[in-house]
Amino acid sequence: MDFLKDLWSFMKERKKWWLLPMVIVLLLIGVLLVFGSGSALAPFIYTLF
């Protein structure tokens, strides 16, 4: 979580708000892959990519 705090303070200080949508999308894809890999929905999730 320290990395996310550092990233947030970097974006806030340097006014790099355009990075926020990219970070959110990457986090959502990561969460989807982690939780979807052990479930019965895994074949359907992997077809999206």
C-alpha atoms as a PDB file:
ATOM      1  CA  MET A   1       0.000   0.000   0.000  1.00  0.00           C
ATOM      2  CA  ASP A   2       2.993   2.277   0.438  1.00  0.00           C
ATOM      3  CA  PHE A   3       3.510   2.253  -3.323  1.00  0.00           C
ATOM      4  CA  LEU A   4      -0.037   3.480  -3.914  1.00  0.00           C
ATOM      5  CA  LYS A   5       0.422   6.280  -1.374  1.00  0.00           C
ATOM      6  CA  ASP A   6       3.641   7.330  -3.086  1.00  0.00           C
ATOM      7  CA  LEU A   7       1.979   7.212  -6.487  1.00  0.00           C
ATOM      8  CA  TRP A   8      -0.970   9.286  -5.233  1.00  0.00           C
ATOM      9  CA  SER A   9       1.329  11.916  -3.708  1.00  0.00           C
ATOM     10  CA  PHE A  10       3.353  12.041  -6.950  1.00  0.00           C
ATOM     11  CA  MET A  11       0.223  12.630  -9.039  1.00  0.00           C
ATOM     12  CA  LYS A  12      -1.082  15.206  -6.593  1.00  0.00           C
ATOM     13  CA  GLU A  13       2.180  17.136  -6.350  1.00  0.00           C
ATOM     14  CA  ARG A  14       3.087  17.113 -10.038  1.00  0.00           C
ATOM     15  CA  LYS A  15      -0.508  17.535 -11.311  1.00  0.00           C
ATOM     16  CA  LYS A  16      -0.343  14.333 -13.360  1.00  0.00           C
ATOM     17  CA  TRP A  17      -4.066  13.566 -13.149  1.00  0.00           C
ATOM     18  CA  TRP A  18      -4.037  11.939 -16.596  1.00  0.00           C
ATOM     19  CA  LEU A  19      -2.269   8.955 -15.013  1.00  0.00           C
ATOM     20  CA  LEU A  20      -5.221   8.164 -12.736  1.00  0.00           C
ATOM     21  CA  PRO A  21      -7.465   6.435 -15.348  1.00  0.00           C
ATOM     22  CA  MET A  22      -4.552   4.273 -16.495  1.00  0.00           C
ATOM     23  CA  VAL A  23      -3.711   3.229 -12.934  1.00  0.00           C
ATOM     24  CA  ILE A  24      -7.351   2.384 -12.213  1.00  0.00           C
ATOM     25  CA  VAL A  25      -7.702   0.280 -15.369  1.00  0.00           C
ATOM     26  CA  LEU A  26      -4.491  -1.618 -14.615  1.00  0.00           C
ATOM     27  CA  LEU A  27      -5.616  -2.300 -11.049  1.00  0.00           C
ATOM     28  CA  LEU A  28      -9.019  -3.541 -12.230  1.00  0.00           C
ATOM     29  CA  ILE A  29      -7.454  -5.869 -14.798  1.00  0.00           C
ATOM     30  CA  GLY A  30      -5.087  -7.223 -12.151  1.00  0.00           C
ATOM     31  CA  VAL A  31      -7.908  -7.842  -9.684  1.00  0.00           C
ATOM     32  CA  LEU A  32      -9.995  -9.501 -12.377  1.00  0.00           C
ATOM     33  CA  LEU A  33      -7.165 -11.849 -13.321  1.00  0.00           C
ATOM     34  CA  VAL A  34      -6.313 -12.733  -9.720  1.00  0.00           C
ATOM     35  CA  PHE A  35      -9.873 -13.499  -8.656  1.00  0.00           C
ATOM     36  CA  GLY A  36     -10.894 -15.034 -11.955  1.00  0.00           C
ATOM     37  CA  SER A  37      -7.992 -17.457 -12.223  1.00  0.00           C
ATOM     38  CA  GLY A  38      -9.289 -19.749  -9.501  1.00  0.00           C
ATOM     39  CA  SER A  39     -12.968 -19.740 -10.410  1.00  0.00           C
ATOM     40  CA  ALA A  40     -15.161 -21.486 -12.939  1.00  0.00           C
ATOM     41  CA  LEU A  41     -15.381 -18.223 -14.876  1.00  0.00           C
ATOM     42  CA  ALA A  42     -11.691 -18.312 -15.795  1.00  0.00           C
ATOM     43  CA  PRO A  43     -12.179 -19.574 -19.383  1.00  0.00           C
ATOM     44  CA  PHE A  44     -14.676 -16.790 -20.069  1.00  0.00           C
ATOM     45  CA  ILE A  45     -12.459 -14.086 -18.571  1.00  0.00           C
ATOM     46  CA  TYR A  46      -9.411 -15.194 -20.553  1.00  0.00           C
ATOM     47  CA  THR A  47     -11.347 -14.985 -23.812  1.00  0.00           C
ATOM     48  CA  LEU A  48     -11.739 -11.250 -23.214  1.00  0.00           C
ATOM     49  CA  PHE A  49      -7.996 -10.803 -23.536  1.00  0.00           C
END
